[in-house]
Amino acid sequence: MTAQVSSSPRPGDVPSSPAPDSPRWLDGEEQRAWRAWLYSTMLLQERLDRELTRQTGISSAYYEILVQLSEAPERRMRMSQLADRCLSSRSRLSHAVSRLEERGWVRREVCAEDGRGQLAVLTDQGFTALAAAAPVHVESVRTHLFDQLSAAQLGSLRDIGETLLRHLDEH
């Protein structure tokens, strides 16, 4: 077993003639691109969340819920759809909505269409909190992302993002 492990390729190694079922290892340039993208997006998300939370008391996760509801017709959305939009599990979203309810920013309603589902509804107080947080969020995005890129890089970023969304978006 030890001999097999020690002779296995390491990430970044490129086999001379890969077997049909072997991993398609990243070459050096791909590895650098992957890690730069991965770490920069993680650091950006962390910075945006830290600044938003520090300046407004609203985490990025709560902010995203408020944004999704603000953009929905009548500022209401089925909880299951909201979870999908926020890339969250239903239980995690339910917990977050409970915290937002405590603040008076969101309320739940029974879905009138089927009587089974629940709707999350953005309250006027929640909309006011979102409106106050939005300038902080957009300034942080501008400072830490857009101000760092040239016009050409911005076009490439958009193209890369749209390409990945077409591939990854399940909707």
Protein backbone atom coordinates (compact mmCIF):
# COMPACT_ATOMS: atom_id res chain seq x y z
CA MET A 1 0.00 0.00 0.00
CA THR A 2 2.79 2.44 0.85
CA ALA A 3 4.51 1.83 -2.47
CA GLN A 4 1.32 2.65 -4.35
CA VAL A 5 0.82 5.90 -2.46
CA SER A 6 4.40 7.05 -2.86
CA SER A 7 4.36 6.31 -6.59
CA SER A 8 1.02 8.06 -7.17
CA PRO A 9 1.18 11.37 -8.98
CA ARG A 10 0.93 14.50 -6.87
CA PRO A 11 -1.35 17.42 -7.78
CA GLY A 12 0.54 19.51 -10.30
CA ASP A 13 2.40 16.52 -11.77
CA VAL A 14 1.57 15.82 -15.39
CA PRO A 15 1.76 12.12 -16.32
CA SER A 16 3.55 11.45 -19.61
CA SER A 17 0.76 9.21 -20.93
CA PRO A 18 -2.30 9.20 -18.70
CA ALA A 19 -4.35 6.05 -18.37
CA PRO A 20 -7.96 6.39 -19.59
CA ASP A 21 -9.39 6.46 -16.03
CA SER A 22 -6.63 8.46 -14.36
CA PRO A 23 -7.17 12.00 -13.05
CA ARG A 24 -6.47 14.85 -15.43
CA TRP A 25 -3.93 16.57 -13.17
CA LEU A 26 -3.53 20.32 -13.35
CA ASP A 27 -0.33 21.55 -14.89
CA GLY A 28 1.67 24.31 -13.20
CA GLU A 29 -0.11 27.19 -14.93
CA GLU A 30 -3.54 25.70 -14.25
CA GLN A 31 -2.60 25.13 -10.61
CA ARG A 32 -1.49 28.78 -10.21
CA ALA A 33 -4.68 30.04 -11.91
CA TRP A 34 -6.90 27.77 -9.80
CA ARG A 35 -5.29 28.78 -6.51
CA ALA A 36 -5.23 32.48 -7.37
CA TRP A 37 -8.93 32.39 -8.28
CA LEU A 38 -9.89 30.23 -5.29
CA TYR A 39 -7.98 32.19 -2.66
CA SER A 40 -8.85 35.60 -4.07
CA THR A 41 -12.58 34.82 -4.13
CA MET A 42 -12.41 33.42 -0.59
CA LEU A 43 -10.52 36.48 0.66
CA LEU A 44 -12.88 38.83 -1.18
CA GLN A 45 -15.96 37.17 0.31
CA GLU A 46 -14.40 37.29 3.78
CA ARG A 47 -13.48 40.98 3.40
CA LEU A 48 -16.93 41.94 2.10
CA ASP A 49 -18.62 40.07 4.94
CA ARG A 50 -16.34 41.56 7.60
CA GLU A 51 -16.83 45.13 6.40
CA LEU A 52 -20.59 44.77 5.95
CA THR A 53 -21.04 43.16 9.37
CA ARG A 54 -18.79 45.66 11.14
CA GLN A 55 -20.42 48.72 9.59
CA THR A 56 -24.07 47.61 9.47
CA GLY A 57 -24.52 44.61 11.77
CA ILE A 58 -25.77 42.60 8.79
CA SER A 59 -23.80 39.55 7.67
CA SER A 60 -23.40 38.79 3.98
CA ALA A 61 -25.74 35.81 4.34
CA TYR A 62 -28.50 37.98 5.84
CA TYR A 63 -27.82 40.71 3.29
CA GLU A 64 -28.29 38.22 0.44
CA ILE A 65 -31.64 37.09 1.86
CA LEU A 66 -32.81 40.70 2.11
CA VAL A 67 -31.61 41.44 -1.45
CA GLN A 68 -33.39 38.40 -2.89
CA LEU A 69 -36.63 39.35 -1.14
CA SER A 70 -36.32 43.01 -2.20
CA GLU A 71 -36.10 41.96 -5.84
CA ALA A 72 -39.01 39.48 -5.67
CA PRO A 73 -42.56 40.45 -6.68
CA GLU A 74 -44.31 42.01 -3.68
CA ARG A 75 -41.04 41.44 -1.74
CA ARG A 76 -42.09 37.84 -0.98
CA MET A 77 -40.78 34.43 -1.98
CA ARG A 78 -41.38 30.79 -1.10
CA MET A 79 -38.86 29.64 1.49
CA SER A 80 -37.73 26.75 -0.74
CA GLN A 81 -37.08 29.11 -3.66
CA LEU A 82 -35.29 31.57 -1.38
CA ALA A 83 -33.03 28.77 -0.13
CA ASP A 84 -32.19 27.86 -3.73
CA ARG A 85 -31.49 31.49 -4.66
CA CYS A 86 -29.21 31.95 -1.65
CA LEU A 87 -27.43 28.63 -2.28
CA SER A 88 -28.46 27.56 1.20
CA SER A 89 -29.98 24.47 2.75
CA ARG A 90 -33.60 24.84 3.79
CA SER A 91 -32.75 24.35 7.47
CA ARG A 92 -29.97 26.96 7.37
CA LEU A 93 -32.25 29.42 5.59
CA SER A 94 -35.05 28.77 8.08
CA HIS A 95 -32.66 29.56 10.95
CA ALA A 96 -31.50 32.77 9.24
CA VAL A 97 -35.08 33.86 8.55
CA SER A 98 -35.88 33.27 12.23
CA ARG A 99 -33.05 35.67 13.17
CA LEU A 100 -34.33 38.22 10.65
CA GLU A 101 -37.86 37.83 12.06
CA GLU A 102 -36.50 38.66 15.53
CA ARG A 103 -35.18 41.93 14.09
CA GLY A 104 -38.55 42.65 12.46
CA TRP A 105 -37.03 42.59 8.97
CA VAL A 106 -38.78 39.51 7.62
CA ARG A 107 -42.03 37.76 8.44
CA ARG A 108 -43.36 34.37 7.39
CA GLU A 109 -46.73 33.76 5.83
CA VAL A 110 -48.52 30.61 4.79
CA CYS A 111 -48.63 30.30 1.01
CA ALA A 112 -52.22 31.09 -0.01
CA GLU A 113 -51.87 29.06 -3.24
CA ASP A 114 -51.47 25.67 -1.56
CA GLY A 115 -51.69 26.28 2.18
CA ARG A 116 -48.60 24.14 2.77
CA GLY A 117 -45.61 26.20 1.77
CA GLN A 118 -44.28 29.19 3.63
CA LEU A 119 -43.37 32.57 2.22
CA ALA A 120 -40.69 34.88 3.51
CA VAL A 121 -41.80 38.51 3.25
CA LEU A 122 -39.49 41.51 3.50
CA THR A 123 -41.00 44.07 5.87
CA ASP A 124 -40.71 47.83 5.47
CA GLN A 125 -38.28 47.82 8.39
CA GLY A 126 -36.19 45.17 6.62
CA PHE A 127 -36.23 47.15 3.39
CA THR A 128 -35.03 50.22 5.31
CA ALA A 129 -32.18 48.18 6.85
CA LEU A 130 -31.23 46.87 3.41
CA ALA A 131 -31.30 50.37 1.91
CA ALA A 132 -28.96 51.58 4.67
CA ALA A 133 -26.55 48.64 4.15
CA ALA A 134 -26.47 48.73 0.34
CA PRO A 135 -24.09 51.73 0.03
CA VAL A 136 -21.63 50.04 2.40
CA HIS A 137 -21.79 46.81 0.41
CA VAL A 138 -21.42 48.44 -3.00
CA GLU A 139 -18.49 50.59 -1.85
CA SER A 140 -16.75 47.51 -0.52
CA VAL A 141 -17.33 45.64 -3.80
CA ARG A 142 -16.09 48.63 -5.76
CA THR A 143 -12.99 49.11 -3.59
CA HIS A 144 -11.90 45.50 -3.35
CA LEU A 145 -12.90 44.26 -6.81
CA PHE A 146 -13.70 46.77 -9.52
CA ASP A 147 -11.13 49.41 -8.55
CA GLN A 148 -8.45 46.70 -8.77
CA LEU A 149 -9.26 45.75 -12.38
CA SER A 150 -8.68 47.40 -15.74
CA ALA A 151 -11.55 47.67 -18.23
CA ALA A 152 -10.11 44.69 -20.13
CA GLN A 153 -9.86 42.61 -16.95
CA LEU A 154 -13.44 43.52 -16.06
CA GLY A 155 -14.59 42.28 -19.47
CA SER A 156 -12.63 39.04 -18.97
CA LEU A 157 -14.06 38.62 -15.47
CA ARG A 158 -17.59 39.04 -16.80
CA ASP A 159 -16.92 36.59 -19.64
CA ILE A 160 -15.42 34.01 -17.28
CA GLY A 161 -18.29 34.41 -14.81
CA GLU A 162 -20.95 34.08 -17.51
CA THR A 163 -19.22 31.03 -18.98
CA LEU A 164 -19.08 29.31 -15.60
CA LEU A 165 -22.70 30.24 -14.84
CA ARG A 166 -23.88 28.71 -18.10
CA HIS A 167 -22.06 25.51 -17.16
CA LEU A 168 -22.93 25.39 -13.45
CA ASP A 169 -26.38 26.96 -13.16
CA GLU A 170 -28.95 24.23 -12.77
CA HIS A 171 -31.97 26.46 -13.48
